Protein backbone atom coordinates (compact mmCIF):
# COMPACT_ATOMS: atom_id res chain seq x y z
CA MET A 1 107.00 94.95 88.20
CA GLY A 2 104.99 97.56 90.05
CA LYS A 3 101.73 99.24 89.07
CA ASP A 4 101.60 102.20 86.67
CA VAL A 5 105.16 101.65 85.34
CA TYR A 6 106.29 103.22 82.06
CA ILE A 7 109.14 101.63 80.08
CA GLY A 8 110.21 103.56 76.98
CA ALA A 9 111.10 102.18 73.58
CA PHE A 10 114.34 100.22 73.25
CA SER A 11 114.86 99.97 77.02
CA TYR A 12 116.03 96.65 78.43
CA VAL A 13 115.05 95.29 81.85
CA ALA A 14 116.94 92.13 82.88
CA ASP A 15 115.48 89.16 84.72
CA GLY A 16 115.33 89.60 88.47
CA ALA A 17 115.03 93.40 88.35
CA VAL A 18 112.50 94.84 90.83
CA ILE A 19 110.68 97.93 89.61
CA GLY A 20 108.50 99.86 92.09
CA ASP A 21 105.10 101.48 91.51
CA GLY A 22 104.95 104.60 89.36
CA VAL A 23 108.49 104.24 87.97
CA LYS A 24 109.21 105.88 84.61
CA ILE A 25 112.05 104.46 82.53
CA PHE A 26 112.52 106.59 79.44
CA PRO A 27 113.82 105.24 76.06
CA ASN A 28 117.17 103.51 75.54
CA CYS A 29 117.80 102.61 79.19
CA PHE A 30 119.52 99.49 80.49
CA ILE A 31 118.44 97.92 83.80
CA GLY A 32 120.71 95.05 84.87
CA GLU A 33 120.06 91.80 86.67
CA GLY A 34 118.91 92.07 90.29
CA VAL A 35 118.51 95.88 90.22
CA HIS A 36 115.99 97.40 92.67
CA ILE A 37 114.31 100.66 91.67
CA GLY A 38 112.15 102.37 94.30
CA VAL A 39 108.67 103.85 93.81
CA ARG A 40 108.16 107.03 91.73
CA THR A 41 111.72 106.99 90.39
CA ARG A 42 112.49 108.47 86.95
CA LEU A 43 115.33 107.24 84.79
CA HIS A 44 115.89 109.58 81.87
CA ALA A 45 116.80 108.44 78.35
CA GLY A 46 120.04 106.50 77.97
CA VAL A 47 120.63 105.73 81.66
CA LYS A 48 122.43 102.48 82.50
CA VAL A 49 121.94 100.79 85.88
CA TYR A 50 124.23 97.82 86.29
CA ALA A 51 123.62 94.52 88.12
CA LYS A 52 122.58 94.51 91.78
CA SER A 53 122.38 98.31 92.05
CA VAL A 54 119.72 99.90 94.28
CA ILE A 55 117.98 103.21 93.56
CA GLY A 56 115.80 104.63 96.33
CA SER A 57 112.23 105.92 96.09
CA GLY A 58 111.58 109.23 94.37
CA ALA A 59 115.02 109.45 92.75
CA SER A 60 115.53 111.16 89.41
CA SER A 61 118.49 110.78 87.08
CA ILE A 62 119.90 112.63 84.13
CA ALA A 63 121.93 111.09 81.38
CA ILE A 64 125.44 112.50 81.14
CA ARG A 65 127.15 111.79 77.87
C-alpha cells in the first residue's frame, strides 16, 4: 500500500494487490488478487478490477452501469 491512499467505504482490496502512492479508490469498489494500480490513479465508485489486472499511473476510470 502506497502513501496518501484513499479507500472509500465498502471497497474491498484483496491480498496481494499493489496500490501506488496517491491512489484514490472511491466507495463500493472491488480490487482483486494480484492487481497492480499505478500512482495517482482514481477508481470511481463501483469499479471492479479483477485478479492480476494492471492499471498504469495517472489513470482515471468511470463506472458504467
